[in-house]
């Protein structure tokens, strides 16, 4: 089964856009939460990552802060 991918982002964040574009380009479905509008998801993001910065990406139980392409590729099995 494919790992569940979640992106916590804001509309003005260029790295968030880059991460989401990367998932779309590779046909990886993901759930996107706009933490600038959703306080509950913003709190959830901070609890998971210990960070206020975006993007925070979760792949299964793995938490990635920022757009770490190598780690994303590794977790998703992309070469």
N, C-alpha and C. Protein backbone atom coordinates (compact mmCIF):
# COMPACT_ATOMS: atom_id res chain seq x y z
N UNK A 1 0.84 -1.20 0.00
CA UNK A 1 0.00 0.00 0.00
C UNK A 1 0.88 1.25 0.00
N UNK A 2 0.41 2.26 -0.71
CA UNK A 2 1.16 3.50 -0.80
C UNK A 2 1.10 4.25 0.53
N UNK A 3 2.22 4.82 0.93
CA UNK A 3 2.26 5.61 2.16
C UNK A 3 1.38 6.84 1.99
N UNK A 4 0.72 7.21 3.07
CA UNK A 4 -0.12 8.39 3.03
C UNK A 4 0.76 9.64 3.14
N UNK A 5 0.59 10.55 2.17
CA UNK A 5 1.40 11.77 2.13
C UNK A 5 0.52 12.96 2.51
N UNK A 6 1.00 13.75 3.47
CA UNK A 6 0.29 14.95 3.91
C UNK A 6 1.27 16.12 3.84
N UNK A 7 0.81 17.24 3.29
CA UNK A 7 1.61 18.45 3.22
C UNK A 7 0.92 19.54 4.04
N UNK A 8 1.64 20.09 5.01
CA UNK A 8 1.15 21.24 5.77
C UNK A 8 1.83 22.44 5.14
N UNK A 9 1.03 23.39 4.62
CA UNK A 9 1.61 24.46 3.82
C UNK A 9 0.87 25.78 4.02
N UNK A 10 1.41 26.82 3.39
CA UNK A 10 0.73 28.11 3.29
C UNK A 10 0.76 28.53 1.83
N UNK A 11 -0.18 29.38 1.42
CA UNK A 11 -0.26 29.79 0.02
C UNK A 11 0.96 30.59 -0.46
N UNK A 12 1.66 31.25 0.45
CA UNK A 12 2.77 32.13 0.05
C UNK A 12 4.14 31.46 0.10
N UNK A 13 4.18 30.18 0.45
CA UNK A 13 5.45 29.48 0.66
C UNK A 13 5.95 28.85 -0.65
N UNK A 14 7.09 29.34 -1.19
CA UNK A 14 7.58 28.78 -2.46
C UNK A 14 8.01 27.32 -2.35
N UNK A 15 8.55 26.91 -1.20
CA UNK A 15 8.97 25.51 -1.03
C UNK A 15 7.77 24.58 -0.92
N UNK A 16 6.67 25.10 -0.38
CA UNK A 16 5.43 24.31 -0.33
C UNK A 16 4.95 24.02 -1.75
N UNK A 17 4.95 25.07 -2.58
CA UNK A 17 4.52 24.91 -3.97
C UNK A 17 5.42 23.92 -4.69
N UNK A 18 6.71 24.04 -4.46
CA UNK A 18 7.67 23.13 -5.11
C UNK A 18 7.39 21.68 -4.70
N UNK A 19 7.15 21.46 -3.42
CA UNK A 19 6.87 20.11 -2.92
C UNK A 19 5.59 19.55 -3.55
N UNK A 20 4.53 20.36 -3.57
CA UNK A 20 3.26 19.89 -4.13
C UNK A 20 3.37 19.64 -5.63
N UNK A 21 4.10 20.53 -6.34
CA UNK A 21 4.32 20.31 -7.77
C UNK A 21 5.09 19.01 -8.01
N UNK A 22 6.06 18.74 -7.14
CA UNK A 22 6.86 17.52 -7.26
C UNK A 22 5.98 16.27 -7.10
N UNK A 23 5.10 16.28 -6.10
CA UNK A 23 4.20 15.14 -5.91
C UNK A 23 3.28 14.98 -7.12
N UNK A 24 2.73 16.09 -7.62
CA UNK A 24 1.83 16.02 -8.79
C UNK A 24 2.56 15.46 -10.01
N UNK A 25 3.78 15.96 -10.25
CA UNK A 25 4.59 15.51 -11.40
C UNK A 25 4.84 14.01 -11.34
N UNK A 26 5.02 13.48 -10.13
CA UNK A 26 5.33 12.06 -9.95
C UNK A 26 4.08 11.21 -9.70
N UNK A 27 2.90 11.80 -9.83
CA UNK A 27 1.66 11.05 -9.68
C UNK A 27 1.41 10.54 -8.28
N UNK A 28 1.91 11.30 -7.28
CA UNK A 28 1.75 10.89 -5.88
C UNK A 28 0.60 11.70 -5.29
N UNK A 29 -0.43 10.99 -4.83
CA UNK A 29 -1.55 11.72 -4.25
C UNK A 29 -1.17 12.16 -2.84
N UNK A 30 -1.67 13.33 -2.46
CA UNK A 30 -1.35 13.87 -1.14
C UNK A 30 -2.51 14.72 -0.65
N UNK A 31 -2.56 14.90 0.65
CA UNK A 31 -3.56 15.77 1.28
C UNK A 31 -2.83 17.05 1.65
N UNK A 32 -3.40 18.18 1.30
CA UNK A 32 -2.78 19.46 1.58
C UNK A 32 -3.60 20.22 2.61
N UNK A 33 -2.94 20.69 3.66
CA UNK A 33 -3.61 21.50 4.67
C UNK A 33 -2.98 22.89 4.68
N UNK A 34 -3.82 23.90 4.52
CA UNK A 34 -3.36 25.29 4.58
C UNK A 34 -3.37 25.73 6.05
N UNK A 35 -2.19 25.72 6.65
CA UNK A 35 -2.10 26.01 8.09
C UNK A 35 -2.25 27.50 8.39
N UNK A 36 -2.29 28.34 7.35
CA UNK A 36 -2.55 29.76 7.60
C UNK A 36 -4.04 29.99 7.88
N UNK A 37 -4.88 29.03 7.46
CA UNK A 37 -6.33 29.16 7.66
C UNK A 37 -6.88 28.15 8.67
N UNK A 38 -6.18 27.06 8.88
CA UNK A 38 -6.69 25.96 9.71
C UNK A 38 -5.84 25.82 10.98
N UNK A 39 -6.31 26.47 12.05
CA UNK A 39 -5.54 26.49 13.30
C UNK A 39 -5.33 25.08 13.87
N UNK A 40 -6.35 24.25 13.75
CA UNK A 40 -6.26 22.88 14.26
C UNK A 40 -5.13 22.13 13.56
N UNK A 41 -5.05 22.25 12.24
CA UNK A 41 -3.98 21.58 11.49
C UNK A 41 -2.62 22.22 11.76
N UNK A 42 -2.60 23.54 12.00
CA UNK A 42 -1.35 24.21 12.36
C UNK A 42 -0.83 23.66 13.69
N UNK A 43 -1.72 23.48 14.66
CA UNK A 43 -1.33 22.91 15.95
C UNK A 43 -0.84 21.48 15.79
N UNK A 44 -1.53 20.71 14.94
CA UNK A 44 -1.14 19.33 14.66
C UNK A 44 0.26 19.28 14.05
N UNK A 45 0.53 20.20 13.11
CA UNK A 45 1.83 20.26 12.45
C UNK A 45 2.94 20.54 13.46
N UNK A 46 2.72 21.50 14.36
CA UNK A 46 3.72 21.85 15.37
C UNK A 46 3.95 20.67 16.32
N UNK A 47 2.86 20.00 16.68
CA UNK A 47 2.98 18.85 17.58
C UNK A 47 3.81 17.73 16.93
N UNK A 48 3.59 17.49 15.63
CA UNK A 48 4.32 16.43 14.93
C UNK A 48 5.78 16.78 14.69
N UNK A 49 6.04 18.05 14.33
CA UNK A 49 7.37 18.41 13.85
C UNK A 49 8.19 19.24 14.83
N UNK A 50 7.52 19.86 15.79
CA UNK A 50 8.21 20.79 16.67
C UNK A 50 8.59 22.08 15.96
N UNK A 51 8.03 22.30 14.78
CA UNK A 51 8.41 23.45 13.94
C UNK A 51 7.20 24.31 13.61
N UNK A 52 7.46 25.61 13.44
CA UNK A 52 6.42 26.53 12.96
C UNK A 52 6.56 26.73 11.45
N UNK A 53 7.73 26.41 10.90
CA UNK A 53 7.99 26.65 9.47
C UNK A 53 7.30 25.63 8.58
N UNK A 54 7.02 26.04 7.36
CA UNK A 54 6.43 25.16 6.37
C UNK A 54 7.38 25.05 5.17
N UNK A 55 7.29 24.02 4.36
CA UNK A 55 6.33 22.93 4.52
C UNK A 55 6.79 21.89 5.55
N UNK A 56 5.81 21.25 6.15
CA UNK A 56 6.05 20.03 6.91
C UNK A 56 5.33 18.94 6.13
N UNK A 57 6.04 17.89 5.79
CA UNK A 57 5.49 16.80 4.98
C UNK A 57 5.55 15.54 5.82
N UNK A 58 4.44 14.83 5.89
CA UNK A 58 4.47 13.52 6.54
C UNK A 58 4.23 12.46 5.48
N UNK A 59 5.05 11.42 5.56
CA UNK A 59 4.90 10.25 4.68
C UNK A 59 4.81 9.07 5.62
N UNK A 60 3.59 8.52 5.74
CA UNK A 60 3.36 7.51 6.76
C UNK A 60 3.64 8.14 8.12
N UNK A 61 4.54 7.54 8.91
CA UNK A 61 4.85 8.08 10.24
C UNK A 61 6.10 8.95 10.21
N UNK A 62 6.69 9.15 9.03
CA UNK A 62 7.91 9.96 8.90
C UNK A 62 7.55 11.43 8.72
N UNK A 63 8.27 12.30 9.44
CA UNK A 63 8.04 13.74 9.36
C UNK A 63 9.25 14.39 8.71
N UNK A 64 9.00 15.17 7.66
CA UNK A 64 10.05 15.89 6.95
C UNK A 64 9.75 17.38 7.07
N UNK A 65 10.73 18.14 7.55
CA UNK A 65 10.57 19.59 7.63
C UNK A 65 11.29 20.19 6.42
N UNK A 66 10.55 20.93 5.61
CA UNK A 66 11.12 21.50 4.39
C UNK A 66 10.96 20.52 3.24
N UNK A 67 11.40 20.94 2.05
CA UNK A 67 11.30 20.09 0.87
C UNK A 67 12.62 19.37 0.70
N UNK A 68 12.72 18.21 1.34
CA UNK A 68 13.94 17.38 1.30
C UNK A 68 13.71 16.29 0.25
N UNK A 69 14.03 16.63 -1.00
CA UNK A 69 13.73 15.75 -2.13
C UNK A 69 14.35 14.36 -1.96
N UNK A 70 15.59 14.30 -1.52
CA UNK A 70 16.25 13.00 -1.37
C UNK A 70 15.53 12.12 -0.35
N UNK A 71 15.13 12.71 0.76
CA UNK A 71 14.42 11.93 1.79
C UNK A 71 13.04 11.50 1.28
N UNK A 72 12.35 12.40 0.60
CA UNK A 72 11.05 12.07 0.02
C UNK A 72 11.19 10.92 -0.96
N UNK A 73 12.19 11.02 -1.87
CA UNK A 73 12.42 9.96 -2.85
C UNK A 73 12.69 8.64 -2.16
N UNK A 74 13.52 8.69 -1.13
CA UNK A 74 13.88 7.48 -0.40
C UNK A 74 12.66 6.84 0.25
N UNK A 75 11.82 7.65 0.90
CA UNK A 75 10.64 7.12 1.59
C UNK A 75 9.58 6.59 0.62
N UNK A 76 9.51 7.21 -0.57
CA UNK A 76 8.50 6.80 -1.54
C UNK A 76 9.03 5.82 -2.58
N UNK A 77 10.32 5.53 -2.51
CA UNK A 77 10.91 4.58 -3.46
C UNK A 77 11.05 5.13 -4.87
N UNK A 78 11.26 6.46 -4.97
CA UNK A 78 11.48 7.10 -6.27
C UNK A 78 12.97 7.14 -6.53
N UNK A 79 13.37 6.83 -7.74
CA UNK A 79 14.81 6.85 -8.07
C UNK A 79 15.15 8.11 -8.83
